[in-house]
């Protein structure tokens, strides 16, 4: 019912050419994307060249009902409503790059271990 998470990568986009991406089958009826939130992007080439990590680097963001309908959660539960689509545009700054996209900043197992070790070291 509240699903809005995504994390994926795209490779080989031409530099300077806007690419429209659609994330489908999201479930939340409304989203902060309709109030200015932008997807996160991480460019491998930009990180190496400029030291820039995750950034809100997408534009033309919209979140809206799709034509795909959800199945009811249980038999006889009534209609499930429409899935939602998130659409946005990303313009690559580098040739031959791999770019990752995410709803929120990834929190890796490595980060978790580091944070837990810091907590254990300073009770």
PDB file of N, CA and C in Angstrom:
ATOM      1  N   UNK A   1       0.800  -1.207   0.000  1.00  0.00           N
ATOM      2  CA  UNK A   1       0.000   0.000   0.000  1.00  0.00           C
ATOM      3  C   UNK A   1       0.842   1.270   0.000  1.00  0.00           C
ATOM      4  N   UNK A   2       2.008   1.213   0.596  1.00  0.00           N
ATOM      5  CA  UNK A   2       2.811   2.426   0.731  1.00  0.00           C
ATOM      6  C   UNK A   2       4.142   2.319  -0.010  1.00  0.00           C
ATOM      7  N   UNK A   3       4.251   1.371  -0.926  1.00  0.00           N
ATOM      8  CA  UNK A   3       5.518   1.112  -1.603  1.00  0.00           C
ATOM      9  C   UNK A   3       5.917   2.268  -2.519  1.00  0.00           C
ATOM     10  N   UNK A   4       7.142   2.767  -2.296  1.00  0.00           N
ATOM     11  CA  UNK A   4       7.655   3.836  -3.148  1.00  0.00           C
ATOM     12  C   UNK A   4       9.175   3.747  -3.261  1.00  0.00           C
ATOM     13  N   UNK A   5       9.757   2.615  -2.936  1.00  0.00           N
ATOM     14  CA  UNK A   5      11.197   2.450  -2.919  1.00  0.00           C
ATOM     15  C   UNK A   5      11.685   1.962  -4.278  1.00  0.00           C
ATOM     16  N   UNK A   6      12.858   2.429  -4.688  1.00  0.00           N
ATOM     17  CA  UNK A   6      13.499   1.920  -5.903  1.00  0.00           C
ATOM     18  C   UNK A   6      15.000   2.174  -5.804  1.00  0.00           C
ATOM     19  N   UNK A   7      15.757   1.388  -6.540  1.00  0.00           N
ATOM     20  CA  UNK A   7      17.205   1.525  -6.632  1.00  0.00           C
ATOM     21  C   UNK A   7      17.608   0.757  -7.884  1.00  0.00           C
ATOM     22  N   UNK A   8      18.173   1.457  -8.861  1.00  0.00           N
ATOM     23  CA  UNK A   8      18.578   0.804 -10.103  1.00  0.00           C
ATOM     24  C   UNK A   8      19.699   1.607 -10.752  1.00  0.00           C
ATOM     25  N   UNK A   9      20.310   1.023 -11.773  1.00  0.00           N
ATOM     26  CA  UNK A   9      21.379   1.721 -12.491  1.00  0.00           C
ATOM     27  C   UNK A   9      21.118   1.679 -13.986  1.00  0.00           C
ATOM     28  N   UNK A  10      21.716   2.653 -14.668  1.00  0.00           N
ATOM     29  CA  UNK A  10      21.625   2.762 -16.120  1.00  0.00           C
ATOM     30  C   UNK A  10      23.035   3.027 -16.634  1.00  0.00           C
ATOM     31  N   UNK A  11      23.403   2.391 -17.737  1.00  0.00           N
ATOM     32  CA  UNK A  11      24.732   2.584 -18.322  1.00  0.00           C
ATOM     33  C   UNK A  11      24.619   2.955 -19.788  1.00  0.00           C
ATOM     34  N   UNK A  12      25.647   3.645 -20.283  1.00  0.00           N
ATOM     35  CA  UNK A  12      25.762   3.909 -21.709  1.00  0.00           C
ATOM     36  C   UNK A  12      24.895   5.019 -22.261  1.00  0.00           C
ATOM     37  N   UNK A  13      24.399   5.910 -21.425  1.00  0.00           N
ATOM     38  CA  UNK A  13      23.587   7.023 -21.931  1.00  0.00           C
ATOM     39  C   UNK A  13      24.491   8.043 -22.609  1.00  0.00           C
ATOM     40  N   UNK A  14      24.046   8.661 -23.707  1.00  0.00           N
ATOM     41  CA  UNK A  14      24.873   9.664 -24.376  1.00  0.00           C
ATOM     42  C   UNK A  14      24.971  10.953 -23.554  1.00  0.00           C
ATOM     43  N   UNK A  15      26.165  11.512 -23.486  1.00  0.00           N
ATOM     44  CA  UNK A  15      26.415  12.738 -22.725  1.00  0.00           C
ATOM     45  C   UNK A  15      25.568  13.890 -23.268  1.00  0.00           C
ATOM     46  N   UNK A  16      24.944  14.637 -22.353  1.00  0.00           N
ATOM     47  CA  UNK A  16      24.211  15.842 -22.718  1.00  0.00           C
ATOM     48  C   UNK A  16      22.825  15.624 -23.290  1.00  0.00           C
ATOM     49  N   UNK A  17      22.413  14.383 -23.478  1.00  0.00           N
ATOM     50  CA  UNK A  17      21.089  14.090 -24.037  1.00  0.00           C
ATOM     51  C   UNK A  17      20.146  13.706 -22.895  1.00  0.00           C
ATOM     52  N   UNK A  18      19.090  14.498 -22.655  1.00  0.00           N
ATOM     53  CA  UNK A  18      18.161  14.167 -21.570  1.00  0.00           C
ATOM     54  C   UNK A  18      17.533  12.787 -21.776  1.00  0.00           C
ATOM     55  N   UNK A  19      17.464  12.031 -20.697  1.00  0.00           N
ATOM     56  CA  UNK A  19      16.882  10.691 -20.721  1.00  0.00           C
ATOM     57  C   UNK A  19      15.685  10.680 -19.782  1.00  0.00           C
ATOM     58  N   UNK A  20      14.525  10.310 -20.292  1.00  0.00           N
ATOM     59  CA  UNK A  20      13.320  10.226 -19.468  1.00  0.00           C
ATOM     60  C   UNK A  20      13.213   8.816 -18.909  1.00  0.00           C
ATOM     61  N   UNK A  21      13.068   8.718 -17.596  1.00  0.00           N
ATOM     62  CA  UNK A  21      12.962   7.431 -16.918  1.00  0.00           C
ATOM     63  C   UNK A  21      11.611   7.338 -16.230  1.00  0.00           C
ATOM     64  N   UNK A  22      11.001   6.162 -16.284  1.00  0.00           N
ATOM     65  CA  UNK A  22       9.722   5.910 -15.629  1.00  0.00           C
ATOM     66  C   UNK A  22       9.876   4.745 -14.663  1.00  0.00           C
ATOM     67  N   UNK A  23       9.492   4.966 -13.416  1.00  0.00           N
ATOM     68  CA  UNK A  23       9.470   3.911 -12.406  1.00  0.00           C
ATOM     69  C   UNK A  23       8.002   3.584 -12.197  1.00  0.00           C
ATOM     70  N   UNK A  24       7.619   2.360 -12.507  1.00  0.00           N
ATOM     71  CA  UNK A  24       6.201   1.990 -12.473  1.00  0.00           C
ATOM     72  C   UNK A  24       5.901   1.056 -11.302  1.00  0.00           C
ATOM     73  N   UNK A  25       4.618   0.853 -11.060  1.00  0.00           N
ATOM     74  CA  UNK A  25       4.108  -0.065 -10.032  1.00  0.00           C
ATOM     75  C   UNK A  25       4.376   0.407  -8.604  1.00  0.00           C
ATOM     76  N   UNK A  26       4.467   1.716  -8.405  1.00  0.00           N
ATOM     77  CA  UNK A  26       4.547   2.259  -7.051  1.00  0.00           C
ATOM     78  C   UNK A  26       3.135   2.326  -6.492  1.00  0.00           C
ATOM     79  N   UNK A  27       3.008   2.355  -5.172  1.00  0.00           N
ATOM     80  CA  UNK A  27       1.675   2.199  -4.571  1.00  0.00           C
ATOM     81  C   UNK A  27       1.141   3.407  -3.812  1.00  0.00           C
ATOM     82  N   UNK A  28       1.991   4.297  -3.330  1.00  0.00           N
ATOM     83  CA  UNK A  28       1.493   5.415  -2.531  1.00  0.00           C
ATOM     84  C   UNK A  28       0.582   6.306  -3.368  1.00  0.00           C
ATOM     85  N   UNK A  29      -0.528   6.718  -2.781  1.00  0.00           N
ATOM     86  CA  UNK A  29      -1.488   7.559  -3.511  1.00  0.00           C
ATOM     87  C   UNK A  29      -0.913   8.928  -3.836  1.00  0.00           C
ATOM     88  N   UNK A  30      -0.122   9.477  -2.931  1.00  0.00           N
ATOM     89  CA  UNK A  30       0.490  10.782  -3.147  1.00  0.00           C
ATOM     90  C   UNK A  30       1.956  10.672  -2.753  1.00  0.00           C
ATOM     91  N   UNK A  31       2.737  11.650  -3.141  1.00  0.00           N
ATOM     92  CA  UNK A  31       4.165  11.556  -2.898  1.00  0.00           C
ATOM     93  C   UNK A  31       4.774  12.938  -2.747  1.00  0.00           C
ATOM     94  N   UNK A  32       5.872  13.005  -2.015  1.00  0.00           N
ATOM     95  CA  UNK A  32       6.613  14.262  -1.912  1.00  0.00           C
ATOM     96  C   UNK A  32       7.209  14.670  -3.254  1.00  0.00           C
ATOM     97  N   UNK A  33       7.257  13.740  -4.203  1.00  0.00           N
ATOM     98  CA  UNK A  33       7.706  14.107  -5.546  1.00  0.00           C
ATOM     99  C   UNK A  33       6.777  15.157  -6.155  1.00  0.00           C
ATOM    100  N   UNK A  34       5.530  15.169  -5.753  1.00  0.00           N
ATOM    101  CA  UNK A  34       4.588  16.185  -6.237  1.00  0.00           C
ATOM    102  C   UNK A  34       4.759  17.514  -5.510  1.00  0.00           C
ATOM    103  N   UNK A  35       5.652  17.562  -4.531  1.00  0.00           N
ATOM    104  CA  UNK A  35       5.882  18.780  -3.761  1.00  0.00           C
ATOM    105  C   UNK A  35       7.346  19.228  -3.822  1.00  0.00           C
ATOM    106  N   UNK A  36       8.071  18.750  -4.824  1.00  0.00           N
ATOM    107  CA  UNK A  36       9.428  19.236  -5.041  1.00  0.00           C
ATOM    108  C   UNK A  36      10.564  18.260  -4.803  1.00  0.00           C
ATOM    109  N   UNK A  37      10.302  17.110  -4.181  1.00  0.00           N
ATOM    110  CA  UNK A  37      11.366  16.126  -3.981  1.00  0.00           C
ATOM    111  C   UNK A  37      11.851  15.623  -5.339  1.00  0.00           C
ATOM    112  N   UNK A  38      13.168  15.429  -5.465  1.00  0.00           N
ATOM    113  CA  UNK A  38      13.740  14.904  -6.706  1.00  0.00           C
ATOM    114  C   UNK A  38      14.483  13.603  -6.425  1.00  0.00           C
ATOM    115  N   UNK A  39      14.483  12.675  -7.375  1.00  0.00           N
ATOM    116  CA  UNK A  39      15.224  11.422  -7.188  1.00  0.00           C
ATOM    117  C   UNK A  39      16.720  11.685  -7.004  1.00  0.00           C
ATOM    118  N   UNK A  40      17.373  10.765  -6.329  1.00  0.00           N
ATOM    119  CA  UNK A  40      18.821  10.828  -6.156  1.00  0.00           C
ATOM    120  C   UNK A  40      19.514  10.143  -7.324  1.00  0.00           C
ATOM    121  N   UNK A  41      20.670  10.675  -7.706  1.00  0.00           N
ATOM    122  CA  UNK A  41      21.482  10.069  -8.759  1.00  0.00           C
ATOM    123  C   UNK A  41      22.938  10.017  -8.290  1.00  0.00           C
ATOM    124  N   UNK A  42      23.625   8.948  -8.679  1.00  0.00           N
ATOM    125  CA  UNK A  42      25.042   8.785  -8.374  1.00  0.00           C
ATOM    126  C   UNK A  42      25.749   8.380  -9.659  1.00  0.00           C
ATOM    127  N   UNK A  43      26.596   9.253 -10.173  1.00  0.00           N
ATOM    128  CA  UNK A  43      27.364   8.997 -11.382  1.00  0.00           C
ATOM    129  C   UNK A  43      28.749   8.486 -10.995  1.00  0.00           C
ATOM    130  N   UNK A  44      29.110   7.306 -11.484  1.00  0.00           N
ATOM    131  CA  UNK A  44      30.441   6.763 -11.191  1.00  0.00           C
ATOM    132  C   UNK A  44      31.537   7.678 -11.721  1.00  0.00           C
ATOM    133  N   UNK A  45      31.375   8.175 -12.930  1.00  0.00           N
ATOM    134  CA  UNK A  45      32.394   9.050 -13.534  1.00  0.00           C
ATOM    135  C   UNK A  45      32.497  10.380 -12.791  1.00  0.00           C
ATOM    136  N   UNK A  46      31.371  10.948 -12.402  1.00  0.00           N
ATOM    137  CA  UNK A  46      31.385  12.222 -11.669  1.00  0.00           C
ATOM    138  C   UNK A  46      32.036  12.040 -10.294  1.00  0.00           C
ATOM    139  N   UNK A  47      31.765  10.911  -9.664  1.00  0.00           N
ATOM    140  CA  UNK A  47      32.373  10.636  -8.359  1.00  0.00           C
ATOM    141  C   UNK A  47      33.897  10.563  -8.476  1.00  0.00           C
ATOM    142  N   UNK A  48      34.396   9.901  -9.525  1.00  0.00           N
ATOM    143  CA  UNK A  48      35.849   9.799  -9.730  1.00  0.00           C
ATOM    144  C   UNK A  48      36.464  11.142 -10.110  1.00  0.00           C
ATOM    145  N   UNK A  49      35.811  11.879 -11.006  1.00  0.00           N
ATOM    146  CA  UNK A  49      36.379  13.124 -11.531  1.00  0.00           C
ATOM    147  C   UNK A  49      36.254  14.301 -10.571  1.00  0.00           C
ATOM    148  N   UNK A  50      35.119  14.378  -9.852  1.00  0.00           N
ATOM    149  CA  UNK A  50      34.839  15.570  -9.051  1.00  0.00           C
ATOM    150  C   UNK A  50      34.637  15.283  -7.567  1.00  0.00           C
ATOM    151  N   UNK A  51      34.621  14.015  -7.188  1.00  0.00           N
ATOM    152  CA  UNK A  51      34.401  13.672  -5.790  1.00  0.00           C
ATOM    153  C   UNK A  51      32.974  13.888  -5.321  1.00  0.00           C
ATOM    154  N   UNK A  52      32.041  13.953  -6.254  1.00  0.00           N
ATOM    155  CA  UNK A  52      30.633  14.176  -5.922  1.00  0.00           C
ATOM    156  C   UNK A  52      29.937  12.831  -5.783  1.00  0.00           C
ATOM    157  N   UNK A  53      29.200  12.656  -4.697  1.00  0.00           N
ATOM    158  CA  UNK A  53      28.465  11.418  -4.466  1.00  0.00           C
ATOM    159  C   UNK A  53      27.013  11.546  -4.891  1.00  0.00           C
ATOM    160  N   UNK A  54      26.120  11.040  -4.058  1.00  0.00           N
ATOM    161  CA  UNK A  54      24.691  11.091  -4.344  1.00  0.00           C
ATOM    162  C   UNK A  54      24.220  12.537  -4.371  1.00  0.00           C
ATOM    163  N   UNK A  55      23.401  12.871  -5.360  1.00  0.00           N
ATOM    164  CA  UNK A  55      22.880  14.236  -5.490  1.00  0.00           C
ATOM    165  C   UNK A  55      21.481  14.194  -6.090  1.00  0.00           C
ATOM    166  N   UNK A  56      20.690  15.163  -5.751  1.00  0.00           N
ATOM    167  CA  UNK A  56      19.350  15.308  -6.340  1.00  0.00           C
ATOM    168  C   UNK A  56      19.548  15.994  -7.693  1.00  0.00           C
ATOM    169  N   UNK A  57      19.819  15.196  -8.709  1.00  0.00           N
ATOM    170  CA  UNK A  57      20.263  15.709 -10.003  1.00  0.00           C
ATOM    171  C   UNK A  57      19.265  15.477 -11.133  1.00  0.00           C
ATOM    172  N   UNK A  58      18.014  15.228 -10.812  1.00  0.00           N
ATOM    173  CA  UNK A  58      17.001  14.947 -11.834  1.00  0.00           C
ATOM    174  C   UNK A  58      16.015  16.106 -11.905  1.00  0.00           C
ATOM    175  N   UNK A  59      15.372  16.253 -13.055  1.00  0.00           N
ATOM    176  CA  UNK A  59      14.362  17.302 -13.189  1.00  0.00           C
ATOM    177  C   UNK A  59      13.131  16.765 -13.912  1.00  0.00           C
ATOM    178  N   UNK A  60      12.170  17.636 -14.151  1.00  0.00           N
ATOM    179  CA  UNK A  60      10.881  17.275 -14.767  1.00  0.00           C
ATOM    180  C   UNK A  60      10.263  16.064 -14.059  1.00  0.00           C
ATOM    181  N   UNK A  61      10.155  16.176 -12.754  1.00  0.00           N
ATOM    182  CA  UNK A  61       9.672  15.077 -11.915  1.00  0.00           C
ATOM    183  C   UNK A  61       8.155  15.134 -11.795  1.00  0.00           C
ATOM    184  N   UNK A  62       7.502  13.992 -11.969  1.00  0.00           N
ATOM    185  CA  UNK A  62       6.047  13.897 -11.789  1.00  0.00           C
ATOM    186  C   UNK A  62       5.710  12.524 -11.214  1.00  0.00           C
ATOM    187  N   UNK A  63       4.644  12.477 -10.432  1.00  0.00           N
ATOM    188  CA  UNK A  63       4.167  11.241  -9.801  1.00  0.00           C
ATOM    189  C   UNK A  63       2.663  11.204 -10.013  1.00  0.00           C
ATOM    190  N   UNK A  64       2.171  10.151 -10.664  1.00  0.00           N
ATOM    191  CA  UNK A  64       0.764  10.158 -11.068  1.00  0.00           C
ATOM    192  C   UNK A  64       0.223   8.733 -11.192  1.00  0.00           C
ATOM    193  N   UNK A  65      -1.117   8.570 -11.194  1.00  0.00           N
ATOM    194  CA  UNK A  65      -1.714   7.240 -11.371  1.00  0.00           C
ATOM    195  C   UNK A  65      -1.376   6.676 -12.751  1.00  0.00           C
ATOM    196  N   UNK A  66      -1.125   5.379 -12.800  1.00  0.00           N
ATOM    197  CA  UNK A  66      -0.863   4.727 -14.083  1.00  0.00           C
ATOM    198  C   UNK A  66      -2.136   4.037 -14.568  1.00  0.00           C
ATOM    199  N   UNK A  67      -2.055   3.427 -15.716  1.00  0.00           N
ATOM    200  CA  UNK A  67      -3.189   2.685 -16.266  1.00  0.00           C
ATOM    201  C   UNK A  67      -3.223   1.246 -15.760  1.00  0.00           C
ATOM    202  N   UNK A  68      -2.217   0.867 -14.980  1.00  0.00           N
ATOM    203  CA  UNK A  68      -2.140  -0.488 -14.437  1.00  0.00           C
ATOM    204  C   UNK A  68      -2.859  -0.514 -13.094  1.00  0.00           C
ATOM    205  N   UNK A  69      -3.783  -1.454 -12.934  1.00  0.00           N
ATOM    206  CA  UNK A  69      -4.560  -1.541 -11.698  1.00  0.00           C
ATOM    207  C   UNK A  69      -4.017  -2.624 -10.780  1.00  0.00           C
ATOM    208  N   UNK A  70      -4.051  -2.328  -9.483  1.00  0.00           N
ATOM    209  CA  UNK A  70      -3.631  -3.291  -8.472  1.00  0.00           C
ATOM    210  C   UNK A  70      -4.716  -4.334  -8.271  1.00  0.00           C
ATOM    211  N   UNK A  71      -4.291  -5.526  -7.941  1.00  0.00           N
ATOM    212  CA  UNK A  71      -5.249  -6.561  -7.549  1.00  0.00           C
ATOM    213  C   UNK A  71      -5.612  -6.335  -6.091  1.00  0.00           C
ATOM    214  N   UNK A  72      -6.823  -6.703  -5.698  1.00  0.00           N
ATOM    215  CA  UNK A  72      -7.183  -6.594  -4.276  1.00  0.00           C
ATOM    216  C   UNK A  72      -6.244  -7.439  -3.417  1.00  0.00           C
ATOM    217  N   UNK A  73      -6.024  -6.996  -2.187  1.00  0.00           N
ATOM    218  CA  UNK A  73      -5.125  -7.709  -1.274  1.00  0.00           C
ATOM    219  C   UNK A  73      -5.656  -9.089  -0.912  1.00  0.00           C
ATOM    220  N   UNK A  74      -6.986  -9.236  -0.896  1.00  0.00           N
ATOM    221  CA  UNK A  74      -7.603 -10.525  -0.553  1.00  0.00           C
ATOM    222  C   UNK A  74      -8.864 -10.693  -1.386  1.00  0.00           C
ATOM    223  N   UNK A  75      -9.253 -11.932  -1.671  1.00  0.00           N
ATOM    224  CA  UNK A  75     -10.487 -12.140  -2.433  1.00  0.00           C
ATOM    225  C   UNK A  75     -11.672 -11.446  -1.758  1.00  0.00           C
ATOM    226  N   UNK A  76     -12.455 -10.742  -2.556  1.00  0.00           N
ATOM    227  CA  UNK A  76     -13.631 -10.047  -2.047  1.00  0.00           C
ATOM    228  C   UNK A  76     -13.323  -8.738  -1.342  1.00  0.00           C
ATOM    229  N   UNK A  77     -12.067  -8.299  -1.380  1.00  0.00           N
ATOM    230  CA  UNK A  77     -11.680  -7.079  -0.665  1.00  0.00           C
ATOM    231  C   UNK A  77     -11.984  -5.813  -1.453  1.00  0.00           C
ATOM    232  N   UNK A  78     -12.470  -5.942  -2.668  1.00  0.00           N
ATOM    233  CA  UNK A  78     -12.727  -4.756  -3.486  1.00  0.00           C
ATOM    234  C   UNK A  78     -11.518  -4.408  -4.327  1.00  0.00           C
ATOM    235  N   UNK A  79     -11.670  -3.402  -5.176  1.00  0.00           N
ATOM    236  CA  UNK A  79     -10.609  -2.996  -6.087  1.00  0.00           C
ATOM    237  C   UNK A  79      -9.391  -2.472  -5.362  1.00  0.00           C
ATOM    238  N   UNK A  80      -8.248  -2.661  -5.943  1.00  0.00           N
ATOM    239  CA  UNK A  80      -7.007  -2.215  -5.328  1.00  0.00           C
ATOM    240  C   UNK A  80      -6.576  -0.831  -5.775  1.00  0.00           C
ATOM    241  N   UNK A  81      -7.286  -0.219  -6.737  1.00  0.00           N
ATOM    242  CA  UNK A  81      -6.884   1.091  -7.238  1.00  0.00           C
ATOM    243  C   UNK A  81      -5.771   0.977  -8.257  1.00  0.00           C
ATOM    244  N   UNK A  82      -5.269   2.113  -8.672  1.00  0.00           N
ATOM    245  CA  UNK A  82      -4.213   2.155  -9.679  1.00  0.00           C
ATOM    246  C   UNK A  82      -2.837   2.174  -9.042  1.00  0.00           C
ATOM    247  N   UNK A  83      -1.883   1.536  -9.711  1.00  0.00           N
ATOM    248  CA  UNK A  83      -0.490   1.743  -9.347  1.00  0.00           C
ATOM    249  C   UNK A  83      -0.135   3.175  -9.727  1.00  0.00           C
ATOM    250  N   UNK A  84       1.029   3.640  -9.283  1.00  0.00           N
ATOM    251  CA  UNK A  84       1.493   4.982  -9.611  1.00  0.00           C
ATOM    252  C   UNK A  84       2.782   4.888 -10.414  1.00  0.00           C
ATOM    253  N   UNK A  85       3.054   5.938 -11.168  1.00  0.00           N
ATOM    254  CA  UNK A  85       4.279   6.045 -11.951  1.00  0.00           C
ATOM    255  C   UNK A  85       5.043   7.282 -11.511  1.00  0.00           C
ATOM    256  N   UNK A  86       6.345   7.124 -11.314  1.00  0.00           N
ATOM    257  CA  UNK A  86       7.250   8.247 -11.093  1.00  0.00           C
ATOM    258  C   UNK A  86       8.001   8.442 -12.397  1.00  0.00           C
ATOM    259  N   UNK A  87       7.980   9.643 -12.924  1.00  0.00           N
ATOM    260  CA  UNK A  87       8.730   9.930 -14.145  1.00  0.00           C
ATOM    261  C   UNK A  87       9.670  11.102 -13.877  1.00  0.00           C
ATOM    262  N   UNK A  88      10.874  11.028 -14.442  1.00  0.00           N
ATOM    263  CA  UNK A  88      11.832  12.125 -14.285  1.00  0.00           C
ATOM    264  C   UNK A  88      12.831  12.086 -15.429  1.00  0.00           C
ATOM    265  N   UNK A  89      13.553  13.188 -15.581  1.00  0.00           N
ATOM    266  CA  UNK A  89      14.551  13.313 -16.634  1.00  0.00           C
ATOM    267  C   UNK A  89      15.928  13.472 -16.005  1.00  0.00           C
ATOM    268  N   UNK A  90      16.893  12.786 -16.578  1.00  0.00           N
ATOM    269  CA  UNK A  90      18.283  12.903 -16.142  1.00  0.00           C
ATOM    270  C   UNK A  90      19.132  13.193 -17.371  1.00  0.00           C
ATOM    271  N   UNK A  91      20.028  14.172 -17.261  1.00  0.00           N
ATOM    272  CA  UNK A  91      20.919  14.514 -18.367  1.00  0.00           C
ATOM    273  C   UNK A  91      22.351  14.160 -17.971  1.00  0.00           C
ATOM    274  N   UNK A  92      22.935  13.127 -18.586  1.00  0.00           N
ATOM    275  CA  UNK A  92      24.297  12.702 -18.235  1.00  0.00           C
ATOM    276  C   UNK A  92      25.341  13.771 -18.554  1.00  0.00           C
ATOM    277  N   UNK A  93      26.315  13.907 -17.662  1.00  0.00           N
ATOM    278  CA  UNK A  93      27.412  14.858 -17.859  1.00  0.00           C
ATOM    279  C   UNK A  93      28.660  14.192 -18.431  1.00  0.00           C
ATOM    280  N   UNK A  94      28.668  12.860 -18.468  1.00  0.00           N
ATOM    281  CA  UNK A  94      29.846  12.119 -18.915  1.00  0.00           C
ATOM    282  C   UNK A  94      29.446  11.035 -19.912  1.00  0.00           C
ATOM    283  N   UNK A  95      30.358  10.753 -20.846  1.00  0.00           N
ATOM    284  CA  UNK A  95      30.189   9.616 -21.751  1.00  0.00           C
ATOM    285  C   UNK A  95      30.552   8.334 -21.005  1.00  0.00           C
ATOM    286  N   UNK A  96      30.022   7.222 -21.482  1.00  0.00           N
ATOM    287  CA  UNK A  96      30.396   5.899 -20.979  1.00  0.00           C
ATOM    288  C   UNK A  96      30.358   5.836 -19.452  1.00  0.00           C
ATOM    289  N   UNK A  97      29.247   6.257 -18.887  1.00  0.00           N
ATOM    290  CA  UNK A  97      29.080   6.329 -17.439  1.00  0.00           C
ATOM    291  C   UNK A  97      28.047   5.307 -16.974  1.00  0.00           C
ATOM    292  N   UNK A  98      28.092   4.976 -15.716  1.00  0.00           N
ATOM    293  CA  UNK A  98      27.044   4.201 -15.059  1.00  0.00           C
ATOM    294  C   UNK A  98      26.463   5.092 -13.976  1.00  0.00           C
ATOM    295  N   UNK A  99      25.142   5.262 -14.004  1.00  0.00           N
ATOM    296  CA  UNK A  99      24.462   6.144 -13.055  1.00  0.00           C
ATOM    297  C   UNK A  99      23.436   5.326 -12.280  1.00  0.00           C
ATOM    298  N   UNK A 100      23.456   5.475 -10.970  1.00  0.00           N
ATOM    299  CA  UNK A 100      22.512   4.803 -10.077  1.00  0.00           C
ATOM    300  C   UNK A 100      21.431   5.797  -9.675  1.00  0.00           C
ATOM    301  N   UNK A 101      20.218   5.307  -9.497  1.00  0.00           N
ATOM    302  CA  UNK A 101      19.094   6.139  -9.073  1.00  0.00           C
ATOM    303  C   UNK A 101      18.447   5.496  -7.853  1.00  0.00           C
ATOM    304  N   UNK A 102      18.012   6.338  -6.909  1.00  0.00           N
ATOM    305  CA  UNK A 102      17.401   5.819  -5.685  1.00  0.00           C
ATOM    306  C   UNK A 102      16.401   6.821  -5.124  1.00  0.00           C
ATOM    307  N   UNK A 103      15.445   6.283  -4.366  1.00  0.00           N
ATOM    308  CA  UNK A 103      14.459   7.125  -3.688  1.00  0.00           C
ATOM    309  C   UNK A 103      15.110   7.882  -2.532  1.00  0.00           C
ATOM    310  N   UNK A 104      15.970   7.196  -1.770  1.00  0.00           N
ATOM    311  CA  UNK A 104      16.659   7.850  -0.659  1.00  0.00           C
ATOM    312  C   UNK A 104      18.104   7.353  -0.606  1.00  0.00           C
ATOM    313  N   UNK A 105      18.910   8.032   0.182  1.00  0.00           N
ATOM    314  CA  UNK A 105      20.325   7.705   0.252  1.00  0.00           C
ATOM    315  C   UNK A 105      20.519   6.255   0.707  1.00  0.00           C
ATOM    316  N   UNK A 106      21.263   5.462  -0.055  1.00  0.00           N
ATOM    317  CA  UNK A 106      21.502   4.078   0.348  1.00  0.00           C
ATOM    318  C   UNK A 106      22.282   4.017   1.665  1.00  0.00           C
ATOM    319  N   UNK A 107      21.931   3.063   2.493  1.00  0.00           N
ATOM    320  CA  UNK A 107      22.596   2.819   3.773  1.00  0.00           C
ATOM    321  C   UNK A 107      23.128   1.398   3.709  1.00  0.00           C
ATOM    322  N   UNK A 108      24.410   1.288   3.429  1.00  0.00           N
ATOM    323  CA  UNK A 108      25.011  -0.017   3.171  1.00  0.00           C
ATOM    324  C   UNK A 108      25.321  -0.776   4.458  1.00  0.00           C
ATOM    325  N   UNK A 109      25.568  -2.058   4.312  1.00  0.00           N
ATOM    326  CA  UNK A 109      25.979  -2.882   5.444  1.00  0.00           C
ATOM    327  C   UNK A 109      27.295  -2.359   6.015  1.00  0.00           C
ATOM    328  N   UNK A 110      28.178  -1.889   5.154  1.00  0.00           N
ATOM    329  CA  UNK A 110      29.451  -1.315   5.610  1.00  0.00           C
ATOM    330  C   UNK A 110      29.207  -0.112   6.526  1.00  0.00           C
ATOM    331  N   UNK A 111      28.273   0.765   6.125  1.00  0.00           N
ATOM    332  CA  UNK A 111      27.934   1.909   6.980  1.00  0.00           C
ATOM    333  C   UNK A 111      27.359   1.438   8.317  1.00  0.00           C
ATOM    334  N   UNK A 112      26.498   0.446   8.265  1.00  0.00           N
ATOM    335  CA  UNK A 112      25.896  -0.076   9.489  1.00  0.00           C
ATOM    336  C   UNK A 112      26.971  -0.616  10.431  1.00  0.00           C
ATOM    337  N   UNK A 113      27.892  -1.415   9.907  1.00  0.00           N
ATOM    338  CA  UNK A 113      28.966  -1.971  10.744  1.00  0.00           C
ATOM    339  C   UNK A 113      29.814  -0.859  11.362  1.00  0.00           C
ATOM    340  N   UNK A 114      30.122   0.148  10.565  1.00  0.00           N
ATOM    341  CA  UNK A 114      30.898   1.292  11.064  1.00  0.00           C
ATOM    342  C   UNK A 114      30.153   1.986  12.198  1.00  0.00           C
ATOM    343  N   UNK A 115      28.874   2.248  12.010  1.00  0.00           N
ATOM    344  CA  UNK A 115      28.071   2.926  13.035  1.00  0.00           C
ATOM    345  C   UNK A 115      27.950   2.082  14.302  1.00  0.00           C
ATOM    346  N   UNK A 116      27.747   0.774  14.147  1.00  0.00           N
ATOM    347  CA  UNK A 116      27.651  -0.107  15.315  1.00  0.00           C
ATOM    348  C   UNK A 116      28.974  -0.174  16.076  1.00  0.00           C
ATOM    349  N   UNK A 117      30.086  -0.217  15.350  1.00  0.00           N
ATOM    350  CA  UNK A 117      31.400  -0.230  15.998  1.00  0.00           C
ATOM    351  C   UNK A 117      31.627   1.065  16.778  1.00  0.00           C
ATOM    352  N   UNK A 118      31.202   2.192  16.224  1.00  0.00           N
ATOM    353  CA  UNK A 118      31.348   3.475  16.917  1.00  0.00           C
ATOM    354  C   UNK A 118      30.508   3.509  18.190  1.00  0.00           C
ATOM    355  N   UNK A 119      29.315   2.948  18.134  1.00  0.00           N
ATOM    356  CA  UNK A 119      28.447   2.898  19.320  1.00  0.00           C
ATOM    357  C   UNK A 119      29.059   1.996  20.389  1.00  0.00           C
ATOM    358  N   UNK A 120      29.558   0.832  19.975  1.00  0.00           N
ATOM    359  CA  UNK A 120      30.178  -0.092  20.932  1.00  0.00           C
ATOM    360  C   UNK A 120      31.442   0.503  21.561  1.00  0.00           C
ATOM    361  N   UNK A 121      32.188   1.296  20.806  1.00  0.00           N
ATOM    362  CA  UNK A 121      33.428   1.888  21.303  1.00  0.00           C
ATOM    363  C   UNK A 121      33.174   3.032  22.282  1.00  0.00           C
ATOM    364  N   UNK A 122      31.990   3.593  22.270  1.00  0.00           N
ATOM    365  CA  UNK A 122      31.668   4.742  23.129  1.00  0.00           C
ATOM    366  C   UNK A 122      30.318   4.524  23.806  1.00  0.00           C
ATOM    367  N   UNK A 123      30.277   3.600  24.792  1.00  0.00           N
ATOM    368  CA  UNK A 123      28.990   3.282  25.436  1.00  0.00           C
ATOM    369  C   UNK A 123      28.549   4.446  26.248  1.00  0.00           C
TER     370      UNK A 123
END
